[in-house]
Amino acid sequence: MRLNEGTVGKTYKVTDVCVDEQITRRLEALGVNEQTDITILNKKGSGSLIIKVRGTRLALGKKISDGIKVKGE
């Protein structure tokens, strides 16, 4: 499933990142890699998310969160 389909407060494991190569490299630099645990902290109506990854909070837009595939734990 896509990251933006997840539930607030739950933790998911990243299975794939399918966005532009430049964005993928930036996400990897921020710690969003395959097999990384991500917790959804907040969801906005526009599709943007606030996530927690490796102790850091990140805000992601809808286009980027659509490209991150996760599985539930």
Protein backbone atom coordinates (compact mmCIF):
# COMPACT_ATOMS: atom_id res chain seq x y z
CA MET A 1 0.00 0.00 0.00
CA ARG A 2 1.04 3.62 -0.35
CA LEU A 3 2.24 5.60 2.64
CA ASN A 4 -0.58 8.14 2.43
CA GLU A 5 -3.12 5.30 2.78
CA GLY A 6 -1.78 4.50 6.25
CA THR A 7 -3.32 5.30 9.62
CA VAL A 8 -2.08 8.00 11.99
CA GLY A 9 -0.11 6.54 14.89
CA LYS A 10 0.83 3.27 13.17
CA THR A 11 4.32 2.19 12.14
CA TYR A 12 5.06 0.81 8.67
CA LYS A 13 8.08 -0.68 6.94
CA VAL A 14 9.18 0.85 3.62
CA THR A 15 9.18 -1.70 0.79
CA ASP A 16 9.87 0.56 -2.20
CA VAL A 17 10.44 4.21 -3.11
CA CYS A 18 9.07 5.07 -6.58
CA VAL A 19 9.58 8.80 -7.17
CA ASP A 20 11.95 10.86 -9.33
CA GLU A 21 15.59 9.84 -8.97
CA GLN A 22 16.59 13.18 -7.45
CA ILE A 23 13.84 12.94 -4.82
CA THR A 24 14.72 9.30 -4.13
CA ARG A 25 18.34 10.28 -3.42
CA ARG A 26 17.18 13.08 -1.10
CA LEU A 27 14.86 10.73 0.78
CA GLU A 28 17.69 8.21 1.15
CA ALA A 29 19.89 10.97 2.58
CA LEU A 30 17.13 11.71 5.11
CA GLY A 31 16.91 8.02 6.07
CA VAL A 32 13.88 6.88 4.06
CA ASN A 33 15.24 3.64 2.58
CA GLU A 34 13.85 0.17 2.01
CA GLN A 35 13.27 -1.73 5.27
CA THR A 36 13.13 1.52 7.29
CA ASP A 37 10.37 1.92 9.89
CA ILE A 38 8.14 4.97 9.45
CA THR A 39 5.48 6.21 11.88
CA ILE A 40 2.71 8.47 10.60
CA LEU A 41 2.30 11.36 13.05
CA ASN A 42 -0.26 13.50 11.24
CA LYS A 43 -2.28 13.58 8.01
CA LYS A 44 -3.70 16.63 6.30
CA GLY A 45 -6.76 16.70 4.06
CA SER A 46 -4.63 17.69 1.07
CA GLY A 47 -2.71 14.40 1.27
CA SER A 48 0.42 15.72 2.94
CA LEU A 49 1.88 13.81 5.87
CA ILE A 50 4.14 14.32 8.85
CA ILE A 51 6.17 11.19 9.55
CA LYS A 52 8.77 10.10 12.05
CA VAL A 53 11.78 8.25 10.65
CA ARG A 54 14.91 7.42 12.67
CA GLY A 55 13.99 9.94 15.37
CA THR A 56 13.37 12.83 12.96
CA ARG A 57 10.06 14.34 11.87
CA LEU A 58 9.61 14.97 8.15
CA ALA A 59 6.80 16.59 6.17
CA LEU A 60 5.98 14.98 2.83
CA GLY A 61 3.67 16.21 0.09
CA LYS A 62 1.05 14.03 -1.56
CA LYS A 63 3.14 13.32 -4.68
CA ILE A 64 6.06 12.00 -2.61
CA SER A 65 3.92 10.03 -0.13
CA ASP A 66 2.12 8.41 -3.08
CA GLY A 67 5.49 7.10 -4.31
CA ILE A 68 6.51 5.43 -1.03
CA LYS A 69 5.20 1.88 -0.72
CA VAL A 70 4.93 0.35 2.74
CA LYS A 71 3.65 -2.73 4.54
CA GLY A 72 2.09 -2.85 8.00
CA GLU A 73 3.87 -4.33 10.98
